Protein backbone atom coordinates (compact mmCIF):
# COMPACT_ATOMS: atom_id res chain seq x y z
CA MET A 1 9.37 5.64 24.22
CA ALA A 2 8.31 7.65 21.16
CA LEU A 3 11.90 8.19 20.05
CA ARG A 4 12.70 4.52 20.39
CA TYR A 5 9.63 3.63 18.29
CA VAL A 6 10.45 6.02 15.43
CA GLU A 7 14.06 4.84 15.57
CA ARG A 8 13.01 1.24 14.94
CA PHE A 9 10.03 1.62 12.59
CA ALA A 10 9.01 3.75 9.63
CA THR A 11 5.73 5.19 10.80
CA THR A 12 3.14 7.92 10.46
CA ARG A 13 1.89 10.47 12.96
CA ALA A 14 -1.38 8.56 13.34
CA ARG A 15 0.36 5.24 14.00
CA LEU A 16 2.77 6.81 16.47
CA ALA A 17 -0.08 8.47 18.36
CA ALA A 18 -2.02 5.18 18.46
CA TYR A 19 1.06 3.33 19.72
CA LEU A 20 1.68 5.87 22.48
CA ALA A 21 -1.98 5.87 23.53
CA ARG A 22 -1.94 2.09 23.74
CA LYS A 23 1.24 2.09 25.83
CA VAL A 24 -0.22 4.66 28.23
CA ARG A 25 -3.33 2.49 28.61
CA GLU A 26 -1.29 -0.67 29.15
CA ARG A 27 1.22 0.76 31.58
CA GLY A 28 -0.92 3.39 33.23
CA TRP A 29 0.11 6.90 34.17
CA ALA A 30 1.58 8.10 37.43
CA GLU A 31 -0.93 9.83 39.70
CA GLY A 32 -0.45 13.51 40.23
CA THR A 33 1.16 14.17 36.85
CA PRO A 34 -0.76 15.52 33.88
CA PRO A 35 -1.51 12.79 31.32
CA ALA A 36 0.51 12.72 28.13
CA ASP A 37 -1.06 13.80 24.85
CA PRO A 38 0.04 11.19 22.25
CA ALA A 39 -1.19 13.27 19.32
CA ALA A 40 0.81 16.29 20.46
CA ILE A 41 3.93 14.17 20.90
CA ALA A 42 3.48 12.72 17.39
CA GLU A 43 3.04 16.23 15.95
CA ARG A 44 6.16 17.44 17.76
CA LEU A 45 8.24 14.57 16.42
CA ALA A 46 6.88 15.26 12.93
CA GLY A 47 7.85 18.91 13.32
CA LEU A 48 11.36 17.85 14.28
CA GLY A 49 11.59 15.60 11.21
CA TYR A 50 11.52 12.22 12.96
CA VAL A 51 8.19 11.32 11.36
CA ASP A 52 7.42 12.16 7.71
CA ASP A 53 4.01 11.01 6.49
CA ARG A 54 4.67 11.88 2.85
CA ALA A 55 7.98 9.98 2.72
CA PHE A 56 6.27 7.02 4.40
CA ALA A 57 3.46 7.15 1.82
CA GLU A 58 5.91 7.29 -1.09
CA ALA A 59 7.94 4.37 0.23
CA ARG A 60 4.86 2.27 0.99
CA ALA A 61 3.29 2.99 -2.42
CA ALA A 62 6.50 2.12 -4.25
CA SER A 63 6.92 -1.08 -2.27
CA MET A 64 3.34 -2.19 -2.84
CA GLY A 65 3.60 -1.37 -6.54
CA ARG A 66 6.71 -3.52 -6.88
CA ARG A 67 4.85 -6.37 -5.18
CA GLY A 68 2.12 -6.07 -7.81
CA LEU A 69 -0.65 -4.38 -5.85
CA GLY A 70 -2.94 -1.94 -7.63
CA ALA A 71 -3.88 1.67 -7.00
CA ARG A 72 -7.04 0.90 -5.02
CA ARG A 73 -5.20 -1.44 -2.69
CA VAL A 74 -2.38 1.09 -2.19
CA ALA A 75 -4.86 3.89 -1.43
CA GLN A 76 -6.61 1.65 1.08
CA ALA A 77 -3.31 0.82 2.82
CA LEU A 78 -2.36 4.48 3.01
CA ARG A 79 -5.73 5.37 4.53
CA PHE A 80 -5.33 2.55 7.04
CA ALA A 81 -1.84 3.84 7.97
CA GLY A 82 -3.33 7.24 8.79
CA ILE A 83 -1.94 9.16 5.83
CA GLU A 84 -3.86 12.40 5.35
CA GLU A 85 -5.65 13.04 2.07
CA GLU A 86 -3.15 15.72 0.98
CA ASP A 87 -0.18 13.36 1.26
CA ALA A 88 -2.09 10.50 -0.37
CA GLU A 89 -2.99 12.73 -3.33
CA ALA A 90 0.67 13.72 -3.73
CA VAL A 91 1.60 10.03 -4.05
CA SER A 92 -1.27 9.03 -6.36
CA PRO A 93 0.46 10.08 -9.64
CA ILE A 94 3.33 7.75 -8.79
CA VAL A 95 0.93 4.88 -8.19
CA GLU A 96 -1.22 5.56 -11.24
CA GLY A 97 1.86 5.84 -13.46
CA ASP A 98 2.84 2.27 -12.61
CA THR A 99 -0.59 0.70 -13.08
CA LEU A 100 0.38 -1.66 -15.88
CA ALA A 101 3.77 -2.53 -14.42
CA SER A 102 2.25 -3.48 -11.06
CA ALA A 103 -0.51 -5.52 -12.74
CA LEU A 104 2.10 -7.41 -14.75
CA ALA A 105 4.21 -7.95 -11.63
CA PHE A 106 1.17 -9.45 -9.90
CA ALA A 107 0.43 -11.63 -12.94
CA ARG A 108 4.05 -12.80 -13.05
CA ARG A 109 4.05 -13.67 -9.36
CA ARG A 110 0.74 -15.55 -9.58
CA ARG A 111 1.42 -17.05 -13.05
CA ILE A 112 -1.55 -15.42 -14.75
CA GLY A 113 -1.99 -14.80 -18.49
CA PRO A 114 1.31 -14.63 -20.35
CA TYR A 115 3.16 -16.00 -17.33
CA ALA A 116 0.99 -19.12 -16.97
CA ARG A 117 2.34 -22.55 -17.78
CA GLU A 118 -0.79 -23.50 -19.70
CA ALA A 119 -4.02 -21.80 -20.71
CA PRO A 120 -6.57 -21.94 -17.86
CA ASP A 121 -10.16 -23.05 -18.21
CA PRO A 122 -12.81 -20.26 -18.06
CA ARG A 123 -13.58 -20.87 -14.40
CA MET A 124 -9.91 -20.61 -13.42
CA ARG A 125 -9.54 -17.47 -15.54
CA GLU A 126 -12.42 -15.87 -13.60
CA ARG A 127 -10.66 -16.75 -10.36
CA GLN A 128 -7.44 -15.19 -11.63
CA VAL A 129 -9.24 -12.00 -12.59
CA ALA A 130 -10.92 -11.91 -9.19
CA ALA A 131 -7.51 -12.21 -7.51
CA MET A 132 -6.19 -9.32 -9.59
CA VAL A 133 -9.21 -7.17 -8.74
CA ARG A 134 -8.80 -7.95 -5.03
CA ALA A 135 -5.18 -6.87 -5.40
CA GLY A 136 -6.48 -3.44 -6.48
CA HIS A 137 -6.26 -3.63 -10.27
CA ALA A 138 -8.95 -2.39 -12.63
CA PRO A 139 -11.13 -5.20 -14.00
CA SER A 140 -10.40 -4.18 -17.60
CA ILE A 141 -6.64 -4.59 -17.12
CA ALA A 142 -7.14 -7.82 -15.17
CA TRP A 143 -9.27 -9.33 -17.94
CA ARG A 144 -6.87 -8.15 -20.64
CA ILE A 145 -3.90 -9.80 -18.92
CA ALA A 146 -5.80 -12.97 -17.96
CA ARG A 147 -6.95 -13.50 -21.57
CA MET A 148 -3.39 -13.44 -22.89
CA SER A 149 -1.94 -16.77 -24.00
CA PRO A 150 0.92 -18.31 -22.05
CA GLY A 151 4.21 -16.97 -23.39
CA GLU A 152 2.55 -14.11 -25.31
CA GLU A 153 4.55 -10.89 -25.58
CA VAL A 154 3.38 -8.24 -23.09
CA GLU A 155 5.10 -5.19 -24.59
CA GLY A 156 2.15 -4.16 -26.77
CA LEU A 157 -0.41 -4.20 -23.98
CA PRO A 158 -2.03 -0.74 -23.78
CA ASP A 159 -2.30 0.90 -20.37
CA SER A 160 -5.86 2.02 -19.61
CA ASP A 161 -8.59 1.75 -17.04
């Protein structure tokens, strides 16, 4: 069951262990046999190379960055996926290096700032900034992008927190 799961899905040790524990609960375990240890099975598969938490973290962070999600949101997703702190820290430079690019991707997708059709009223601008902050971007970057005029050039936008 574990091999079939890792064959079909990119996963982490924590997710695999949770999946196996759930399946044992749902299906039960035969009497007279020692119960399976899902965490040990997940560790064994990781040792054999079927599960790689760091590769999962890198792929997930890159994917979320391309979708326009910020560093805080990516870190939260990695924690939720069961990525250990060491692997998450190894991925953080990649995420932090793409801060501005992911914020602009989010703005482009949601038509905020330079990608808007027309300049929003102040209330709408606040809502746009709130959406960017919920997506994990720093408020300073969100405000800087939201204050840009529709069609304004984005090349000169400095990258900072």
